[in-house]
Amino acid sequence: QVQLVESGGGLVQAGDSLTLSCAASGRTFDSIVMGWFRQGPGKDREFVATITPGGFNTYYADSVKGRFTISRVNAKNMVYLQMNKLKPEDTAVYYCAGEGNFGGWPPRRRADFRSWGQGTQVTVSS
């Protein structure tokens, strides 16, 4: 199983940008699908974005498409989530997810991922 550690969360204002990072260890990083999910106050955990092992294909939730960008650097075992034009409704705990089900591309359910980080809080003030 992959061990995942997120960082980069914080308090920002609406319209600002923020980049989340996820450091992975434990197995061959460049062979696994990675993703980001988030869980807002009183809400279920929801899919945000996912990226294929080589980084050539990505998929986003409609709510973040055009504002967020997922990327990875396999040589560093890192995956990132660049978040632009942040809105108050983006406030959530953001989770890095690993070992996604590539056969079911794009993996968008919690059950599609085997490994999870501990989460990092993002708060967007209006």
Foldseek 3Di string as FASTA:
>chain_A
DKAKAKDWADEEAAQAKTKMKIAIDDDQQLQKKKFKWWAAVPGDIWGAKIAHSPRPDMDGDPVQPPFWDWGADSVRRMIMIIGGRDDQVVWTWMKMFMRFQPVPPPDIDPVRTDDIYPTDTHGYHD
